[in-house]
Amino acid sequence: DNFALTKKLNDKKAIAKAQYALGLICTNLTLYDSARYYIAAAENAALQLKDTFLLANCYNTLSMMQRYQADYNSSVTYALKSAALAEQSTDSSLIKLLPKIYSNISGALTGENQFEKAIVYSKKALQFTNYPDEQRYRIILHQSIADAYVNLKQLAAAKPYLDTAVLLTGKFNNGIIKLLMFSTEGNYYDQAREYKKALA
């Protein structure tokens, strides 16, 4: 009957979400073989269930996994697949994934030293507001743009993004973010030949 069919469908969705969650956990723990297994299972289920939100998350997580392993080309490919799904959607929960996806694309492009393209995607991500973990992402995005401009030797362009990143970091209690900021500031002031500040 309809109830049994609905329950079966809901069970499949719940299993697919659990598989994705396990894949994400394994990715964060650098257990990549296990992560691929669970994400592949979740991806197949998402395709069968026509669950675009889950599918976009699968592709974005695969992108992160490839980036963590320095396979930047594959990372960009997966992230662009994820972005295409979100960009074509009218679902607000899917649209709210875009800043995270664009940030991921920017990170992979930076890994390939494609700094100009990385800046474009980080700036696209900055146009969004009211999404999960926005404060952290806004710091990362400003810091990433500053870094990219420093690598391009465009210090004047880097400075406003660096200043904003420093300001936002001061209001955010996260040791890793602060460590990344110290690195970006050091690179900037080293390039600017303000060596005392670079060592501060």
Protein backbone atom coordinates (compact mmCIF):
# COMPACT_ATOMS: atom_id res chain seq x y z
CA ASP A 1 0.00 0.00 0.00
CA ASN A 2 0.96 3.69 -0.12
CA PHE A 3 2.13 3.76 3.51
CA ALA A 4 4.48 0.81 2.96
CA LEU A 5 5.82 2.43 -0.23
CA THR A 6 6.39 5.76 1.57
CA LYS A 7 8.13 3.98 4.46
CA LYS A 8 10.38 2.11 2.05
CA LEU A 9 11.26 5.37 0.27
CA ASN A 10 11.90 7.15 3.58
CA ASP A 11 14.08 4.25 4.72
CA LYS A 12 16.13 4.51 1.53
CA LYS A 13 16.56 8.25 2.06
CA ALA A 14 17.59 7.74 5.68
CA ILE A 15 20.14 5.07 4.68
CA ALA A 16 21.52 7.32 1.92
CA LYS A 17 21.90 10.23 4.37
CA ALA A 18 23.63 7.94 6.87
CA GLN A 19 26.01 6.71 4.15
CA TYR A 20 26.81 10.30 3.21
CA ALA A 21 27.39 11.24 6.87
CA LEU A 22 29.78 8.29 7.27
CA GLY A 23 31.58 9.31 4.09
CA LEU A 24 32.00 12.86 5.38
CA ILE A 25 33.31 11.61 8.74
CA CYS A 26 35.80 9.30 6.99
CA THR A 27 36.90 12.20 4.74
CA ASN A 28 37.61 14.38 7.78
CA LEU A 29 39.52 11.49 9.38
CA THR A 30 41.53 11.01 6.13
CA LEU A 31 40.16 7.46 5.75
CA TYR A 32 39.78 8.01 2.04
CA ASP A 33 39.09 4.44 0.86
CA SER A 34 36.22 4.14 3.33
CA ALA A 35 35.04 7.65 2.47
CA ARG A 36 34.87 6.80 -1.24
CA TYR A 37 32.89 3.65 -0.49
CA TYR A 38 30.23 5.46 1.53
CA ILE A 39 30.03 8.52 -0.72
CA ALA A 40 29.68 6.31 -3.81
CA ALA A 41 26.82 4.46 -2.14
CA ALA A 42 25.17 7.76 -1.19
CA GLU A 43 25.69 9.13 -4.71
CA ASN A 44 24.03 6.08 -6.30
CA ALA A 45 21.10 6.36 -3.89
CA ALA A 46 20.78 10.11 -4.57
CA LEU A 47 20.59 9.43 -8.31
CA GLN A 48 17.92 6.75 -7.81
CA LEU A 49 15.93 8.91 -5.39
CA LYS A 50 16.43 12.04 -7.52
CA ASP A 51 17.69 13.77 -4.37
CA THR A 52 19.56 16.75 -5.82
CA PHE A 53 20.52 18.16 -2.43
CA LEU A 54 22.23 14.93 -1.39
CA LEU A 55 23.85 14.54 -4.81
CA ALA A 56 25.31 18.07 -4.69
CA ASN A 57 26.70 17.36 -1.22
CA CYS A 58 28.24 14.09 -2.44
CA TYR A 59 30.01 15.84 -5.31
CA ASN A 60 31.24 18.64 -3.06
CA THR A 61 32.59 16.17 -0.50
CA LEU A 62 34.33 14.21 -3.27
CA SER A 63 35.82 17.51 -4.39
CA MET A 64 37.14 18.22 -0.88
CA MET A 65 38.55 14.71 -0.64
CA GLN A 66 40.44 15.10 -3.93
CA ARG A 67 41.73 18.52 -2.85
CA TYR A 68 43.01 17.12 0.46
CA GLN A 69 44.96 14.59 -1.62
CA ALA A 70 46.32 17.31 -3.95
CA ASP A 71 44.35 16.03 -6.97
CA TYR A 72 43.21 19.54 -7.79
CA ASN A 73 41.95 18.79 -11.29
CA SER A 74 39.53 16.13 -10.07
CA SER A 75 38.57 18.40 -7.19
CA VAL A 76 37.52 21.18 -9.57
CA THR A 77 35.60 18.70 -11.75
CA TYR A 78 33.52 17.40 -8.82
CA ALA A 79 32.95 20.89 -7.41
CA LEU A 80 31.73 22.19 -10.77
CA LYS A 81 29.25 19.29 -10.95
CA SER A 82 28.03 20.25 -7.49
CA ALA A 83 27.81 23.94 -8.43
CA ALA A 84 25.83 23.15 -11.60
CA LEU A 85 23.17 21.34 -9.56
CA ALA A 86 22.91 24.18 -7.04
CA GLU A 87 22.92 26.95 -9.66
CA GLN A 88 20.03 25.33 -11.55
CA SER A 89 17.95 24.85 -8.41
CA THR A 90 15.24 27.01 -6.84
CA ASP A 91 15.58 25.12 -3.55
CA SER A 92 16.93 27.57 -0.94
CA SER A 93 18.76 24.81 0.98
CA LEU A 94 20.63 23.89 -2.20
CA ILE A 95 21.35 27.51 -3.13
CA LYS A 96 22.85 28.01 0.36
CA LEU A 97 25.47 25.38 -0.51
CA LEU A 98 26.93 27.62 -3.22
CA PRO A 99 29.28 29.69 -1.02
CA LYS A 100 30.81 26.48 0.32
CA ILE A 101 31.07 25.01 -3.20
CA TYR A 102 32.60 28.17 -4.68
CA SER A 103 35.08 28.31 -1.78
CA ASN A 104 36.01 24.71 -2.53
CA ILE A 105 36.53 25.50 -6.24
CA SER A 106 38.68 28.49 -5.28
CA GLY A 107 40.82 26.31 -3.00
CA ALA A 108 41.39 23.72 -5.72
CA LEU A 109 42.25 26.40 -8.30
CA THR A 110 44.71 27.92 -5.81
CA GLY A 111 46.31 24.47 -5.53
CA GLU A 112 46.86 24.61 -9.30
CA ASN A 113 48.28 28.17 -9.02
CA GLN A 114 45.31 29.51 -11.00
CA PHE A 115 45.06 32.52 -8.73
CA GLU A 116 42.99 34.78 -11.01
CA LYS A 117 40.27 32.13 -11.37
CA ALA A 118 40.44 31.36 -7.65
CA ILE A 119 39.74 35.03 -6.89
CA VAL A 120 36.70 35.01 -9.19
CA TYR A 121 35.11 32.09 -7.32
CA SER A 122 35.93 33.48 -3.87
CA LYS A 123 34.32 36.79 -4.84
CA LYS A 124 31.26 34.94 -6.14
CA ALA A 125 30.98 33.21 -2.78
CA LEU A 126 31.22 36.54 -0.92
CA GLN A 127 28.02 37.71 -2.61
CA PHE A 128 25.96 35.27 -0.51
CA THR A 129 24.61 35.87 2.98
CA ASN A 130 22.53 33.97 5.55
CA TYR A 131 23.96 30.49 5.06
CA PRO A 132 25.33 27.94 7.57
CA ASP A 133 28.78 28.70 9.03
CA GLU A 134 28.83 32.05 7.20
CA GLN A 135 31.19 33.80 9.63
CA ARG A 136 33.93 31.20 9.19
CA TYR A 137 33.54 31.12 5.42
CA ARG A 138 33.68 34.91 5.12
CA ILE A 139 37.02 34.93 6.95
CA ILE A 140 38.38 32.10 4.76
CA LEU A 141 37.18 33.81 1.57
CA HIS A 142 38.73 37.19 2.41
CA GLN A 143 41.93 35.48 3.49
CA SER A 144 42.00 33.38 0.28
CA ILE A 145 41.54 36.46 -1.93
CA ALA A 146 44.28 38.31 -0.05
CA ASP A 147 46.60 35.30 -0.42
CA ALA A 148 45.88 35.02 -4.15
CA TYR A 149 46.59 38.71 -4.74
CA VAL A 150 49.83 38.42 -2.74
CA ASN A 151 50.86 35.49 -4.95
CA LEU A 152 50.09 37.66 -7.98
CA LYS A 153 52.24 40.45 -6.45
CA GLN A 154 49.17 42.73 -6.38
CA LEU A 155 49.61 44.02 -2.83
CA ALA A 156 47.32 47.04 -3.16
CA ALA A 157 44.47 44.74 -4.23
CA ALA A 158 45.29 42.31 -1.40
CA LYS A 159 45.28 44.89 1.43
CA PRO A 160 41.52 45.54 1.86
CA TYR A 161 40.78 41.80 1.88
CA LEU A 162 43.61 41.19 4.33
CA ASP A 163 42.36 43.97 6.63
CA THR A 164 38.81 42.59 6.56
CA ALA A 165 40.04 39.05 7.23
CA VAL A 166 42.10 40.26 10.20
CA LEU A 167 39.14 42.22 11.58
CA LEU A 168 36.75 39.26 11.24
CA THR A 169 39.30 36.81 12.68
CA GLY A 170 39.59 38.92 15.82
CA LYS A 171 35.89 38.32 16.47
CA PHE A 172 36.07 34.59 15.81
CA ASN A 173 37.57 32.09 18.25
CA ASN A 174 39.18 29.45 16.04
CA GLY A 175 42.85 28.48 16.38
CA ILE A 176 43.24 27.06 12.87
CA ILE A 177 41.71 30.16 11.26
CA LYS A 178 44.03 32.38 13.30
CA LEU A 179 47.04 30.30 12.27
CA LEU A 180 46.09 30.66 8.59
CA MET A 181 45.72 34.42 9.10
CA PHE A 182 49.19 34.69 10.63
CA SER A 183 50.56 32.95 7.54
CA THR A 184 48.70 35.27 5.15
CA GLU A 185 49.76 38.39 7.08
CA GLY A 186 53.36 37.15 7.16
CA ASN A 187 53.38 36.58 3.38
CA TYR A 188 51.84 39.98 2.72
CA TYR A 189 54.29 41.95 4.88
CA ASP A 190 57.22 39.90 3.57
CA GLN A 191 56.24 40.84 0.00
CA ALA A 192 55.76 44.45 1.12
CA ARG A 193 59.24 44.31 2.69
CA GLU A 194 57.83 45.30 6.06
CA TYR A 195 59.91 42.64 7.76
CA LYS A 196 59.18 43.64 11.37
CA LYS A 197 55.46 43.17 10.77
CA ALA A 198 56.09 39.95 8.84
CA LEU A 199 57.80 38.49 11.92
CA ALA A 200 55.26 39.92 14.42
